[in-house]
């Protein structure tokens, strides 16, 4: 669905968006998962799930969480490599999370890690 923010706020009121970023850091999957778990510990999280999944034979972390106060549903795919962490992130309004997750999963099928 079309993304729509709430005026001056960056938070989505409806729809979803996909973004990507690269962080230059040396880490491994265990340290990265520990760091994520320490960072995302808010009482307003009604879902906070970590899974290790494979994309192109590369082990990655899929972090799914939902914040009831912000009414946001987020999935982050975190891919640690030798000197970088690649991230692909879905931000979705909670009301549109099912449809957005379907589209995000379709998108992930096209992702290649070299």
Protein backbone atom coordinates (compact mmCIF):
# COMPACT_ATOMS: atom_id res chain seq x y z
CA UNK A 1 0.00 0.00 0.00
CA UNK A 2 1.00 3.60 -0.44
CA UNK A 3 3.03 4.99 2.42
CA UNK A 4 1.66 7.97 4.30
CA UNK A 5 3.31 9.80 7.18
CA UNK A 6 1.64 11.81 9.91
CA UNK A 7 2.45 15.39 8.93
CA UNK A 8 5.90 16.38 10.18
CA UNK A 9 6.48 12.96 11.71
CA UNK A 10 8.59 10.35 9.93
CA UNK A 11 6.34 7.63 11.37
CA UNK A 12 4.06 5.91 8.91
CA UNK A 13 0.34 6.29 9.44
CA UNK A 14 -0.34 3.71 6.74
CA UNK A 15 1.54 1.66 4.20
CA UNK A 16 5.21 0.70 4.29
CA UNK A 17 8.68 1.50 3.06
CA UNK A 18 11.89 -0.46 2.52
CA UNK A 19 15.28 1.05 3.18
CA UNK A 20 18.87 -0.17 3.15
CA UNK A 21 22.07 0.89 4.83
CA UNK A 22 25.67 -0.18 5.26
CA UNK A 23 27.62 0.25 8.49
CA UNK A 24 31.39 -0.11 8.41
CA UNK A 25 32.17 -2.20 11.47
CA UNK A 26 33.99 -5.43 12.25
CA UNK A 27 31.63 -7.84 13.98
CA UNK A 28 30.29 -11.34 13.83
CA UNK A 29 26.77 -12.69 13.95
CA UNK A 30 26.83 -13.51 17.69
CA UNK A 31 28.07 -10.06 18.71
CA UNK A 32 25.65 -8.37 16.33
CA UNK A 33 22.68 -10.30 17.74
CA UNK A 34 23.72 -9.46 21.30
CA UNK A 35 24.03 -5.77 20.40
CA UNK A 36 20.59 -5.75 18.77
CA UNK A 37 19.01 -7.42 21.80
CA UNK A 38 20.54 -4.81 24.12
CA UNK A 39 19.39 -1.95 21.89
CA UNK A 40 15.78 -3.08 21.42
CA UNK A 41 14.36 -3.60 24.91
CA UNK A 42 11.45 -1.19 25.27
CA UNK A 43 8.37 -2.01 27.34
CA UNK A 44 6.20 -0.87 24.43
CA UNK A 45 7.44 -3.72 22.20
CA UNK A 46 4.61 -6.23 21.87
CA UNK A 47 6.73 -8.37 19.54
CA UNK A 48 10.53 -8.68 19.59
CA UNK A 49 11.73 -11.77 17.72
CA UNK A 50 15.17 -12.76 16.44
CA UNK A 51 15.77 -15.50 13.89
CA UNK A 52 18.84 -16.64 12.02
CA UNK A 53 18.01 -17.16 8.38
CA UNK A 54 20.04 -17.83 5.26
CA UNK A 55 20.11 -15.61 2.21
CA UNK A 56 22.30 -16.97 -0.59
CA UNK A 57 24.06 -19.31 1.88
CA UNK A 58 24.92 -16.35 4.14
CA UNK A 59 23.64 -16.54 7.73
CA UNK A 60 21.77 -13.37 8.63
CA UNK A 61 19.64 -12.08 11.50
CA UNK A 62 15.98 -11.35 10.90
CA UNK A 63 14.74 -9.08 13.67
CA UNK A 64 11.00 -8.49 13.79
CA UNK A 65 9.42 -6.14 16.28
CA UNK A 66 6.27 -4.14 16.81
CA UNK A 67 5.89 -1.07 18.98
CA UNK A 68 2.38 -0.55 20.30
CA UNK A 69 3.00 3.11 21.19
CA UNK A 70 4.34 4.04 17.75
CA UNK A 71 1.94 1.67 15.96
CA UNK A 72 4.89 0.49 13.84
CA UNK A 73 5.90 -2.98 12.67
CA UNK A 74 9.53 -3.36 11.62
CA UNK A 75 11.60 -6.17 10.13
CA UNK A 76 15.35 -5.76 9.89
CA UNK A 77 17.59 -8.12 7.95
CA UNK A 78 21.15 -7.74 9.28
CA UNK A 79 23.99 -9.25 7.27
CA UNK A 80 27.42 -9.17 8.92
CA UNK A 81 30.41 -9.50 6.60
CA UNK A 82 34.12 -9.10 7.21
CA UNK A 83 34.16 -5.30 7.66
CA UNK A 84 30.53 -4.27 7.19
CA UNK A 85 26.96 -4.91 8.25
CA UNK A 86 24.38 -4.64 5.49
CA UNK A 87 20.82 -3.96 6.57
CA UNK A 88 17.52 -4.07 4.72
CA UNK A 89 14.63 -2.73 6.77
CA UNK A 90 10.87 -2.78 6.38
CA UNK A 91 8.93 -0.08 8.21
CA UNK A 92 5.18 -0.65 8.20
CA UNK A 93 2.19 0.88 9.88
CA UNK A 94 0.83 -1.80 12.21
CA UNK A 95 -2.50 -1.82 10.41
CA UNK A 96 -0.80 -2.78 7.12
CA UNK A 97 1.82 -5.19 8.47
CA UNK A 98 0.49 -8.37 6.85
CA UNK A 99 0.41 -6.99 3.30
CA UNK A 100 3.73 -5.18 3.79
CA UNK A 101 5.45 -8.32 5.09
CA UNK A 102 4.27 -10.27 2.04
CA UNK A 103 5.76 -7.63 -0.26
CA UNK A 104 8.98 -7.49 1.80
CA UNK A 105 9.41 -11.27 1.60
CA UNK A 106 8.96 -11.09 -2.18
CA UNK A 107 11.62 -8.39 -2.30
CA UNK A 108 14.02 -10.51 -0.19
CA UNK A 109 13.76 -13.30 -2.77
CA UNK A 110 15.52 -10.95 -5.21
CA UNK A 111 18.36 -10.03 -2.83
CA UNK A 112 21.80 -11.39 -3.62
CA UNK A 113 24.76 -11.35 -1.23
CA UNK A 114 28.19 -11.71 -2.79
